[in-house]
Every structure is written in structure tokens, then in C-alpha cells.
């Protein structure tokens, strides 16, 4: 399920893997690049760095704000491209990992985005959580390729 509520991107996805497994894809650079980006720096502690290079050599970065292993992760998010209207640390991503039978209900909320970017981020998180689902369930989503002409374009 992918919704836009009150200026935020809200997404829920059921994944047939344990919360520990799904959480590991957010708390390890080696795991992160299996579903998003080409390289990553992940320091999974309060104040630790989050940084990933996605196709097109665009860099998303921020800091971890809250980490509850296997339950919740909150980080700031933005782009290092100098003219991008969502600079590093300017938006917030909250992710809950909820036990759901033999799997996980991933609940993601991305807030503090410019209104003109809501649809772009909605499409981006839908794309990447689909790749995460495939990887966490033991599959291979293939190479990370741009899902839009340019995920960081400021017009659109």
C-alpha cells in the first residue's frame, strides 16, 4: 500500500522475512546496496551517518536519529546535489518493522518534503521497497537502475 497523507509519503509493505532480516537491510552498508544504490555508508547509531550513491552518481545522505534494533529506525534524508531543494538532513524517514505472522509489516513514512516532490518520493519508495521485498525474501532484484529519468531533478 502506498499513500500520500498530510504531505507525507506513507507506505506499508508485507515482507515474508523476519523483522531482524528486514532491519538488517537498513543497518548494514553491505546489505543496503543489495537493494538500493551502488555504495553506502551506514553507521547505525544515533547521530551516525547515512549515505548512499544511487544510479547517476547522485548522493542521498543524512543522520540516524533513532535506532531500535529490529523494531524502528528514523533518519534524516536529503540530496548532496548543490541545487536540490531537499538538501541533506532536511526531510525525515521513519521506518517501523512490525512482526506480522511469519513475516514483517514494513511501515515507512517520509515527511518534510516539498509538495512538488511528494509524487516523486512516493514512486521512489515504492520502487525501492519492491526491490527490498525481493532481496529480503531471498531473490535478486537485479542491478539498481534509475526508475525515473533522473530521481533528483528539481523540476517535476
C-alpha atoms as a PDB file:
ATOM      1  CA  UNK A   1       0.000   0.000   0.000  1.00  0.00           C
ATOM      2  CA  UNK A   2       1.339   3.409  -0.935  1.00  0.00           C
ATOM      3  CA  UNK A   3      -0.459   6.578   0.154  1.00  0.00           C
ATOM      4  CA  UNK A   4       0.161  10.272   0.471  1.00  0.00           C
ATOM      5  CA  UNK A   5      -1.174  11.631   3.775  1.00  0.00           C
ATOM      6  CA  UNK A   6      -0.863  15.208   5.001  1.00  0.00           C
ATOM      7  CA  UNK A   7       2.130  15.996   2.789  1.00  0.00           C
ATOM      8  CA  UNK A   8       3.951  12.803   3.733  1.00  0.00           C
ATOM      9  CA  UNK A   9       4.687   9.658   1.787  1.00  0.00           C
ATOM     10  CA  UNK A  10       3.287   6.697   3.725  1.00  0.00           C
ATOM     11  CA  UNK A  11       3.950   3.163   2.563  1.00  0.00           C
ATOM     12  CA  UNK A  12       3.224  -0.261   4.026  1.00  0.00           C
ATOM     13  CA  UNK A  13       4.631  -3.468   2.577  1.00  0.00           C
ATOM     14  CA  UNK A  14       4.354  -7.027   3.865  1.00  0.00           C
ATOM     15  CA  UNK A  15       7.604  -8.950   3.521  1.00  0.00           C
ATOM     16  CA  UNK A  16       7.946 -12.696   4.099  1.00  0.00           C
ATOM     17  CA  UNK A  17      11.074 -12.363   6.250  1.00  0.00           C
ATOM     18  CA  UNK A  18      11.627 -11.718   9.943  1.00  0.00           C
ATOM     19  CA  UNK A  19      11.902  -8.167  11.329  1.00  0.00           C
ATOM     20  CA  UNK A  20      15.576  -8.954  12.105  1.00  0.00           C
ATOM     21  CA  UNK A  21      16.220  -9.833   8.462  1.00  0.00           C
ATOM     22  CA  UNK A  22      14.396  -6.790   7.081  1.00  0.00           C
ATOM     23  CA  UNK A  23      16.073  -4.475   9.609  1.00  0.00           C
ATOM     24  CA  UNK A  24      19.497  -5.786   8.538  1.00  0.00           C
ATOM     25  CA  UNK A  25      18.956  -4.304   5.066  1.00  0.00           C
ATOM     26  CA  UNK A  26      18.769  -0.842   6.665  1.00  0.00           C
ATOM     27  CA  UNK A  27      21.549  -1.217   9.250  1.00  0.00           C
ATOM     28  CA  UNK A  28      24.438  -2.588   7.165  1.00  0.00           C
ATOM     29  CA  UNK A  29      26.132  -0.968   4.163  1.00  0.00           C
ATOM     30  CA  UNK A  30      26.738  -4.400   2.635  1.00  0.00           C
ATOM     31  CA  UNK A  31      23.036  -5.251   2.912  1.00  0.00           C
ATOM     32  CA  UNK A  32      21.847  -1.785   1.869  1.00  0.00           C
ATOM     33  CA  UNK A  33      23.498  -1.927  -1.565  1.00  0.00           C
ATOM     34  CA  UNK A  34      21.815  -5.252  -2.278  1.00  0.00           C
ATOM     35  CA  UNK A  35      18.546  -3.353  -2.787  1.00  0.00           C
ATOM     36  CA  UNK A  36      19.408   0.360  -3.154  1.00  0.00           C
ATOM     37  CA  UNK A  37      22.352   2.241  -4.559  1.00  0.00           C
ATOM     38  CA  UNK A  38      25.829   1.342  -5.691  1.00  0.00           C
ATOM     39  CA  UNK A  39      27.713   2.147  -2.497  1.00  0.00           C
ATOM     40  CA  UNK A  40      26.734   3.136   1.025  1.00  0.00           C
ATOM     41  CA  UNK A  41      27.987   4.308   4.393  1.00  0.00           C
ATOM     42  CA  UNK A  42      25.718   3.170   7.208  1.00  0.00           C
ATOM     43  CA  UNK A  43      26.565   3.977  10.835  1.00  0.00           C
ATOM     44  CA  UNK A  44      23.538   2.541  12.663  1.00  0.00           C
ATOM     45  CA  UNK A  45      23.648   4.527  15.879  1.00  0.00           C
ATOM     46  CA  UNK A  46      22.102   7.813  16.995  1.00  0.00           C
ATOM     47  CA  UNK A  47      23.950  10.572  15.113  1.00  0.00           C
ATOM     48  CA  UNK A  48      25.600   8.072  12.759  1.00  0.00           C
ATOM     49  CA  UNK A  49      25.991   8.783   9.058  1.00  0.00           C
ATOM     50  CA  UNK A  50      23.616   7.529   6.398  1.00  0.00           C
ATOM     51  CA  UNK A  51      24.927   7.992   2.835  1.00  0.00           C
ATOM     52  CA  UNK A  52      24.195   6.168  -0.394  1.00  0.00           C
ATOM     53  CA  UNK A  53      25.211   6.709  -4.005  1.00  0.00           C
ATOM     54  CA  UNK A  54      22.366   5.866  -6.383  1.00  0.00           C
ATOM     55  CA  UNK A  55      22.421   5.438 -10.174  1.00  0.00           C
ATOM     56  CA  UNK A  56      23.522   8.615 -11.915  1.00  0.00           C
ATOM     57  CA  UNK A  57      26.069   9.231  -9.119  1.00  0.00           C
ATOM     58  CA  UNK A  58      23.553  11.148  -7.013  1.00  0.00           C
ATOM     59  CA  UNK A  59      24.174  11.014  -3.269  1.00  0.00           C
ATOM     60  CA  UNK A  60      21.451  10.819  -0.626  1.00  0.00           C
ATOM     61  CA  UNK A  61      22.625  11.469   2.903  1.00  0.00           C
ATOM     62  CA  UNK A  62      21.567  12.251   6.433  1.00  0.00           C
ATOM     63  CA  UNK A  63      21.935  11.067  10.010  1.00  0.00           C
ATOM     64  CA  UNK A  64      20.338   8.369  12.092  1.00  0.00           C
ATOM     65  CA  UNK A  65      18.041   9.913  14.696  1.00  0.00           C
ATOM     66  CA  UNK A  66      16.595   6.815  16.364  1.00  0.00           C
ATOM     67  CA  UNK A  67      17.520   3.128  16.225  1.00  0.00           C
ATOM     68  CA  UNK A  68      15.551   0.396  17.977  1.00  0.00           C
ATOM     69  CA  UNK A  69      17.065  -2.802  16.542  1.00  0.00           C
ATOM     70  CA  UNK A  70      14.582  -4.923  14.625  1.00  0.00           C
ATOM     71  CA  UNK A  71      11.727  -2.517  15.537  1.00  0.00           C
ATOM     72  CA  UNK A  72      12.240   1.087  14.390  1.00  0.00           C
ATOM     73  CA  UNK A  73      14.657   3.318  12.545  1.00  0.00           C
ATOM     74  CA  UNK A  74      14.453   7.087  11.973  1.00  0.00           C
ATOM     75  CA  UNK A  75      16.870   9.047   9.812  1.00  0.00           C
ATOM     76  CA  UNK A  76      17.144  12.395   8.130  1.00  0.00           C
ATOM     77  CA  UNK A  77      17.337  12.416   4.330  1.00  0.00           C
ATOM     78  CA  UNK A  78      18.360  14.718   1.505  1.00  0.00           C
ATOM     79  CA  UNK A  79      20.498  15.034  -1.609  1.00  0.00           C
ATOM     80  CA  UNK A  80      24.048  16.346  -1.808  1.00  0.00           C
ATOM     81  CA  UNK A  81      23.410  17.830  -5.278  1.00  0.00           C
ATOM     82  CA  UNK A  82      24.027  21.575  -4.629  1.00  0.00           C
ATOM     83  CA  UNK A  83      20.828  22.908  -6.225  1.00  0.00           C
ATOM     84  CA  UNK A  84      18.448  20.234  -4.978  1.00  0.00           C
ATOM     85  CA  UNK A  85      15.517  21.570  -2.914  1.00  0.00           C
ATOM     86  CA  UNK A  86      15.791  18.617  -0.489  1.00  0.00           C
ATOM     87  CA  UNK A  87      19.301  19.052   0.978  1.00  0.00           C
ATOM     88  CA  UNK A  88      20.863  16.523   3.386  1.00  0.00           C
ATOM     89  CA  UNK A  89      19.076  16.375   6.699  1.00  0.00           C
ATOM     90  CA  UNK A  90      16.045  18.382   5.553  1.00  0.00           C
ATOM     91  CA  UNK A  91      13.473  15.567   5.471  1.00  0.00           C
ATOM     92  CA  UNK A  92      12.779  12.656   7.789  1.00  0.00           C
ATOM     93  CA  UNK A  93      12.209   8.939   7.128  1.00  0.00           C
ATOM     94  CA  UNK A  94      10.589   6.821   9.854  1.00  0.00           C
ATOM     95  CA  UNK A  95      10.548   3.041   9.373  1.00  0.00           C
ATOM     96  CA  UNK A  96       8.796   0.545  11.629  1.00  0.00           C
ATOM     97  CA  UNK A  97       9.440  -3.203  11.389  1.00  0.00           C
ATOM     98  CA  UNK A  98       6.318  -4.883  12.775  1.00  0.00           C
ATOM     99  CA  UNK A  99       6.145  -8.640  13.320  1.00  0.00           C
ATOM    100  CA  UNK A 100       3.329  -9.968  11.141  1.00  0.00           C
ATOM    101  CA  UNK A 101       2.845 -13.725  11.457  1.00  0.00           C
ATOM    102  CA  UNK A 102       5.893 -15.310   9.846  1.00  0.00           C
ATOM    103  CA  UNK A 103       6.918 -12.032   8.247  1.00  0.00           C
ATOM    104  CA  UNK A 104       7.225  -8.285   8.686  1.00  0.00           C
ATOM    105  CA  UNK A 105       4.959  -5.361   8.019  1.00  0.00           C
ATOM    106  CA  UNK A 106       7.294  -2.579   6.936  1.00  0.00           C
ATOM    107  CA  UNK A 107       5.731   0.826   7.625  1.00  0.00           C
ATOM    108  CA  UNK A 108       7.587   3.787   6.119  1.00  0.00           C
ATOM    109  CA  UNK A 109       6.715   7.478   6.497  1.00  0.00           C
ATOM    110  CA  UNK A 110       8.758  10.188   4.733  1.00  0.00           C
ATOM    111  CA  UNK A 111       7.955  13.739   5.888  1.00  0.00           C
ATOM    112  CA  UNK A 112       9.128  17.347   5.476  1.00  0.00           C
ATOM    113  CA  UNK A 113       9.228  17.108   1.675  1.00  0.00           C
ATOM    114  CA  UNK A 114       8.352  19.961  -0.704  1.00  0.00           C
ATOM    115  CA  UNK A 115       4.828  19.413  -2.071  1.00  0.00           C
ATOM    116  CA  UNK A 116       6.184  19.242  -5.628  1.00  0.00           C
ATOM    117  CA  UNK A 117       8.297  16.212  -4.669  1.00  0.00           C
ATOM    118  CA  UNK A 118       5.701  14.043  -2.921  1.00  0.00           C
ATOM    119  CA  UNK A 119       4.817  12.019  -6.039  1.00  0.00           C
ATOM    120  CA  UNK A 120       8.486  11.543  -6.960  1.00  0.00           C
ATOM    121  CA  UNK A 121       9.328  10.218  -3.486  1.00  0.00           C
ATOM    122  CA  UNK A 122       6.208   8.078  -3.464  1.00  0.00           C
ATOM    123  CA  UNK A 123       7.367   6.450  -6.711  1.00  0.00           C
ATOM    124  CA  UNK A 124      10.918   6.121  -5.406  1.00  0.00           C
ATOM    125  CA  UNK A 125       9.987   4.390  -2.151  1.00  0.00           C
ATOM    126  CA  UNK A 126       7.530   2.124  -3.976  1.00  0.00           C
ATOM    127  CA  UNK A 127      10.328   1.128  -6.377  1.00  0.00           C
ATOM    128  CA  UNK A 128      12.926   0.565  -3.669  1.00  0.00           C
ATOM    129  CA  UNK A 129      10.709  -1.272  -1.192  1.00  0.00           C
ATOM    130  CA  UNK A 130       9.718  -3.621  -4.026  1.00  0.00           C
ATOM    131  CA  UNK A 131      13.432  -4.312  -4.557  1.00  0.00           C
ATOM    132  CA  UNK A 132      13.866  -4.760  -0.782  1.00  0.00           C
ATOM    133  CA  UNK A 133      10.999  -7.274  -0.660  1.00  0.00           C
ATOM    134  CA  UNK A 134      12.586  -9.355  -3.421  1.00  0.00           C
ATOM    135  CA  UNK A 135      16.002  -9.311  -1.724  1.00  0.00           C
ATOM    136  CA  UNK A 136      14.733  -9.934   1.839  1.00  0.00           C
ATOM    137  CA  UNK A 137      12.699 -12.902   0.596  1.00  0.00           C
ATOM    138  CA  UNK A 138      15.842 -14.414  -0.933  1.00  0.00           C
ATOM    139  CA  UNK A 139      15.563 -13.216  -4.530  1.00  0.00           C
ATOM    140  CA  UNK A 140      17.724 -10.994  -6.698  1.00  0.00           C
ATOM    141  CA  UNK A 141      16.096  -7.728  -7.865  1.00  0.00           C
ATOM    142  CA  UNK A 142      18.875  -7.206 -10.424  1.00  0.00           C
ATOM    143  CA  UNK A 143      21.102  -4.145 -10.704  1.00  0.00           C
ATOM    144  CA  UNK A 144      19.861  -0.873  -9.252  1.00  0.00           C
ATOM    145  CA  UNK A 145      18.941   1.285 -12.208  1.00  0.00           C
ATOM    146  CA  UNK A 146      17.185   4.666 -12.327  1.00  0.00           C
ATOM    147  CA  UNK A 147      13.426   4.250 -12.041  1.00  0.00           C
ATOM    148  CA  UNK A 148      12.743   7.785 -13.334  1.00  0.00           C
ATOM    149  CA  UNK A 149      14.661   9.812 -15.885  1.00  0.00           C
ATOM    150  CA  UNK A 150      16.549  11.429 -13.021  1.00  0.00           C
ATOM    151  CA  UNK A 151      15.473  10.818  -9.429  1.00  0.00           C
ATOM    152  CA  UNK A 152      16.900  14.111  -8.244  1.00  0.00           C
ATOM    153  CA  UNK A 153      15.676  16.533 -10.886  1.00  0.00           C
ATOM    154  CA  UNK A 154      14.259  19.602  -9.200  1.00  0.00           C
ATOM    155  CA  UNK A 155      11.577  20.234 -11.810  1.00  0.00           C
ATOM    156  CA  UNK A 156       8.757  17.818 -11.727  1.00  0.00           C
END
